[in-house]
Amino acid sequence: MDHADEVLLQFVMQQDVDAFEILYDRHGSKLYALLRRMVHDKRVAEELLQETFWCIWQKAEQYSGTGTCAAWLHRIARNKALDHLRRQKVGTELFVATLEPFETLPQLQEDSTTHEFERKWTHQQVQQALVDIPSEQRHCLELAYFEGLTHQEIAQQTNTPLGTIKTRVRSGMQKMARALLGAGYAYPAA
């Protein structure tokens, strides 16, 4: 079958396994790369990829036809990753909440105060570095790193050539790195 993705999705709505497999072959590796970038864990990315394609199989009829099928697939994968990250954050917050009674111990209060100061200082330095870069570069970085969009998705969303998006992201990261190095950060050891 050499059909467009949108046509394949029509077949998937009718539970056509062959069309589903072709969609998986066409998009599985790209979606996996997106998920891996977002969750930083190979095993979790594999599980989320399975959840993504299960969702596609079950809800193919929800594709509205606005935008490309590929963008719709990426949005499902990105939402799966964001849901996972939110669940992970809630789990971490619950874990931290169970440790709060121990923070009243004198030796931990000092460490906790130092840690909180360092965390706030780091946050402030990163925010300042973001403010100092040009708005086009900042917008691309925010879309890539805070919303998990690929360069291609950013290009489509902003109606900007892909090469321009890649240049903006690279230049923005270089300017951020220089600003953070100037603030006293060092590159992490490899």
Foldseek 3Di string as FASTA:
>chain_A
DPDFLLVLLVVLVVVDVVSLVVVCVVCVVVLLVLLCVLQVDNVVSVVLSVVLSVCSSVPSVPPPPPDGPNVVSNVSSLVSSVVVVVVVVVVVVVVVVVCVVVCVPVVNVVVVVVVVVVVVVVVVLLVVLLVPDDPVLSVLCCCCHVSSDDLVVVCVVVVHDSVVSVVSPVVSVVSSVVSVVVVPDDDDDD
